[in-house]
Amino acid sequence: MKVHYFGGSDPSSWPGMDMQKVDGNIWSYQVPANTTGLVLNNGSGDQTGNFTCGANHLYDHNSDKGVYNK
């Protein structure tokens, strides 16, 4: 899984950065502090829409699920 992030001073290039698998279908990546948006994708064409970036948030293919409590 990859995350493409944008809106800050150090945006990623498409298709983004590799995320780290946490557990099951949960992946993690720490974006720069001033990031405003992100897109999750598989690097092969399947992707989400644009999400507003929130600290420690959990996202699925459709929406922001709020703060992730580990």
N, C-alpha and C. Protein backbone atom coordinates (compact mmCIF):
# COMPACT_ATOMS: atom_id res chain seq x y z
N MET A 1 0.85 -1.18 0.00
CA MET A 1 0.00 0.00 0.00
C MET A 1 0.89 1.24 0.00
N LYS A 2 0.38 2.28 -0.62
CA LYS A 2 1.12 3.53 -0.71
C LYS A 2 0.25 4.69 -0.23
N VAL A 3 0.91 5.75 0.20
CA VAL A 3 0.21 6.99 0.54
C VAL A 3 0.89 8.13 -0.22
N HIS A 4 0.08 8.88 -0.96
CA HIS A 4 0.55 10.09 -1.62
C HIS A 4 0.01 11.25 -0.79
N TYR A 5 0.88 12.12 -0.33
CA TYR A 5 0.45 13.25 0.50
C TYR A 5 0.87 14.56 -0.15
N PHE A 6 0.09 15.61 0.16
CA PHE A 6 0.28 16.89 -0.52
C PHE A 6 -0.21 18.04 0.36
N GLY A 7 0.01 19.24 -0.13
CA GLY A 7 -0.48 20.43 0.56
C GLY A 7 0.48 21.04 1.55
N GLY A 8 1.62 20.45 1.75
CA GLY A 8 2.61 20.98 2.67
C GLY A 8 3.87 21.38 1.94
N SER A 9 4.92 21.60 2.67
CA SER A 9 6.18 22.04 2.07
C SER A 9 6.99 20.89 1.47
N ASP A 10 6.62 19.64 1.76
CA ASP A 10 7.38 18.49 1.26
C ASP A 10 6.44 17.39 0.76
N PRO A 11 5.66 17.65 -0.31
CA PRO A 11 4.72 16.63 -0.79
C PRO A 11 5.43 15.44 -1.42
N SER A 12 4.76 14.30 -1.43
CA SER A 12 5.33 13.12 -2.08
C SER A 12 5.09 13.20 -3.59
N SER A 13 5.82 12.39 -4.34
CA SER A 13 5.60 12.23 -5.77
C SER A 13 4.69 11.02 -5.97
N TRP A 14 3.80 11.10 -6.97
CA TRP A 14 2.89 9.99 -7.25
C TRP A 14 3.67 8.75 -7.68
N PRO A 15 3.38 7.56 -7.18
CA PRO A 15 2.19 7.19 -6.44
C PRO A 15 2.33 7.31 -4.92
N GLY A 16 3.42 7.86 -4.44
CA GLY A 16 3.58 8.07 -3.00
C GLY A 16 4.60 7.15 -2.37
N MET A 17 4.54 7.09 -1.07
CA MET A 17 5.50 6.34 -0.27
C MET A 17 4.90 5.01 0.19
N ASP A 18 5.76 4.00 0.31
CA ASP A 18 5.31 2.70 0.83
C ASP A 18 4.92 2.85 2.30
N MET A 19 3.77 2.27 2.65
CA MET A 19 3.34 2.27 4.04
C MET A 19 3.79 0.98 4.71
N GLN A 20 3.84 0.99 6.03
CA GLN A 20 4.26 -0.18 6.81
C GLN A 20 3.02 -0.92 7.31
N LYS A 21 2.98 -2.23 7.09
CA LYS A 21 1.85 -3.02 7.55
C LYS A 21 1.89 -3.14 9.07
N VAL A 22 0.74 -2.84 9.71
CA VAL A 22 0.63 -2.90 11.17
C VAL A 22 0.01 -4.23 11.59
N ASP A 23 -1.17 -4.54 11.03
CA ASP A 23 -1.89 -5.76 11.40
C ASP A 23 -3.05 -5.94 10.43
N GLY A 24 -3.27 -7.15 9.94
CA GLY A 24 -4.39 -7.39 9.04
C GLY A 24 -4.36 -6.44 7.86
N ASN A 25 -5.40 -5.63 7.75
CA ASN A 25 -5.49 -4.67 6.65
C ASN A 25 -5.26 -3.24 7.17
N ILE A 26 -4.43 -3.09 8.20
CA ILE A 26 -4.09 -1.77 8.75
C ILE A 26 -2.65 -1.46 8.40
N TRP A 27 -2.45 -0.28 7.80
CA TRP A 27 -1.14 0.18 7.34
C TRP A 27 -0.85 1.52 7.98
N SER A 28 0.43 1.87 8.10
CA SER A 28 0.82 3.10 8.79
C SER A 28 1.89 3.85 8.02
N TYR A 29 1.83 5.17 8.10
CA TYR A 29 2.88 6.03 7.57
C TYR A 29 2.76 7.39 8.25
N GLN A 30 3.87 7.94 8.68
CA GLN A 30 3.86 9.27 9.31
C GLN A 30 4.20 10.31 8.26
N VAL A 31 3.21 11.13 7.89
CA VAL A 31 3.42 12.18 6.90
C VAL A 31 4.00 13.41 7.58
N PRO A 32 4.62 14.33 6.82
CA PRO A 32 5.14 15.56 7.42
C PRO A 32 4.04 16.34 8.14
N ALA A 33 4.41 17.07 9.17
CA ALA A 33 3.47 17.76 10.04
C ALA A 33 2.54 18.74 9.31
N ASN A 34 3.00 19.35 8.24
CA ASN A 34 2.18 20.36 7.57
C ASN A 34 1.38 19.81 6.38
N THR A 35 1.24 18.50 6.28
CA THR A 35 0.47 17.87 5.21
C THR A 35 -1.01 18.18 5.38
N THR A 36 -1.68 18.51 4.27
CA THR A 36 -3.11 18.82 4.36
C THR A 36 -4.01 17.77 3.71
N GLY A 37 -3.47 16.95 2.80
CA GLY A 37 -4.29 15.96 2.13
C GLY A 37 -3.52 14.71 1.77
N LEU A 38 -4.26 13.63 1.52
CA LEU A 38 -3.61 12.37 1.15
C LEU A 38 -4.53 11.51 0.31
N VAL A 39 -3.92 10.61 -0.45
CA VAL A 39 -4.61 9.61 -1.26
C VAL A 39 -3.94 8.27 -0.98
N LEU A 40 -4.71 7.25 -0.67
CA LEU A 40 -4.19 5.91 -0.47
C LEU A 40 -4.33 5.15 -1.78
N ASN A 41 -3.33 4.33 -2.12
CA ASN A 41 -3.40 3.59 -3.38
C ASN A 41 -2.53 2.34 -3.33
N ASN A 42 -2.75 1.45 -4.30
CA ASN A 42 -1.98 0.22 -4.34
C ASN A 42 -0.81 0.29 -5.32
N GLY A 43 -0.58 1.47 -5.92
CA GLY A 43 0.52 1.63 -6.86
C GLY A 43 0.22 1.09 -8.25
N SER A 44 -0.98 0.51 -8.43
CA SER A 44 -1.34 -0.10 -9.72
C SER A 44 -2.68 0.38 -10.24
N GLY A 45 -3.16 1.54 -9.77
CA GLY A 45 -4.39 2.11 -10.30
C GLY A 45 -5.56 2.17 -9.34
N ASP A 46 -5.63 1.30 -8.33
CA ASP A 46 -6.71 1.35 -7.36
C ASP A 46 -6.38 2.39 -6.31
N GLN A 47 -7.27 3.38 -6.13
CA GLN A 47 -6.97 4.46 -5.19
C GLN A 47 -8.23 5.02 -4.56
N THR A 48 -8.05 5.71 -3.44
CA THR A 48 -9.14 6.42 -2.79
C THR A 48 -9.28 7.79 -3.42
N GLY A 49 -10.27 8.54 -2.99
CA GLY A 49 -10.36 9.95 -3.32
C GLY A 49 -9.40 10.71 -2.42
N ASN A 50 -9.43 12.02 -2.50
CA ASN A 50 -8.59 12.85 -1.63
C ASN A 50 -9.20 12.91 -0.24
N PHE A 51 -8.37 12.72 0.78
CA PHE A 51 -8.78 12.85 2.17
C PHE A 51 -8.07 14.05 2.79
N THR A 52 -8.75 14.74 3.69
CA THR A 52 -8.11 15.76 4.52
C THR A 52 -7.30 15.03 5.56
N CYS A 53 -6.06 15.44 5.74
CA CYS A 53 -5.15 14.75 6.64
C CYS A 53 -5.45 15.12 8.10
N GLY A 54 -5.57 14.11 8.96
CA GLY A 54 -5.77 14.31 10.39
C GLY A 54 -4.77 13.49 11.18
N ALA A 55 -4.21 14.06 12.23
CA ALA A 55 -3.21 13.37 13.04
C ALA A 55 -3.78 12.09 13.65
N ASN A 56 -3.06 10.98 13.46
CA ASN A 56 -3.41 9.67 14.03
C ASN A 56 -4.76 9.15 13.58
N HIS A 57 -5.17 9.51 12.36
CA HIS A 57 -6.47 9.06 11.86
C HIS A 57 -6.36 7.76 11.10
N LEU A 58 -7.48 7.04 11.08
CA LEU A 58 -7.63 5.78 10.37
C LEU A 58 -8.53 6.04 9.17
N TYR A 59 -8.11 5.59 7.99
CA TYR A 59 -8.88 5.78 6.76
C TYR A 59 -9.15 4.43 6.14
N ASP A 60 -10.32 4.28 5.51
CA ASP A 60 -10.55 3.12 4.67
C ASP A 60 -10.72 3.62 3.24
N HIS A 61 -11.14 2.76 2.35
CA HIS A 61 -11.22 3.14 0.94
C HIS A 61 -12.24 4.26 0.70
N ASN A 62 -13.18 4.42 1.62
CA ASN A 62 -14.28 5.37 1.42
C ASN A 62 -14.23 6.63 2.27
N SER A 63 -13.60 6.57 3.45
CA SER A 63 -13.72 7.73 4.34
C SER A 63 -12.69 7.74 5.46
N ASP A 64 -12.65 8.86 6.15
CA ASP A 64 -11.85 9.05 7.36
C ASP A 64 -12.65 8.47 8.51
N LYS A 65 -12.09 7.49 9.22
CA LYS A 65 -12.78 6.82 10.32
C LYS A 65 -12.49 7.46 11.68
N GLY A 66 -11.73 8.54 11.69
CA GLY A 66 -11.42 9.23 12.94
C GLY A 66 -10.11 8.77 13.55
N VAL A 67 -9.89 9.16 14.79
CA VAL A 67 -8.65 8.85 15.49
C VAL A 67 -8.52 7.35 15.71
N TYR A 68 -7.35 6.81 15.40
CA TYR A 68 -7.06 5.39 15.57
C TYR A 68 -6.52 5.15 16.97
N ASN A 69 -7.21 4.32 17.74
CA ASN A 69 -6.74 3.95 19.07
C ASN A 69 -6.15 2.56 19.00
N LYS A 70 -4.84 2.48 19.13
CA LYS A 70 -4.12 1.21 18.99
C LYS A 70 -4.50 0.22 20.03
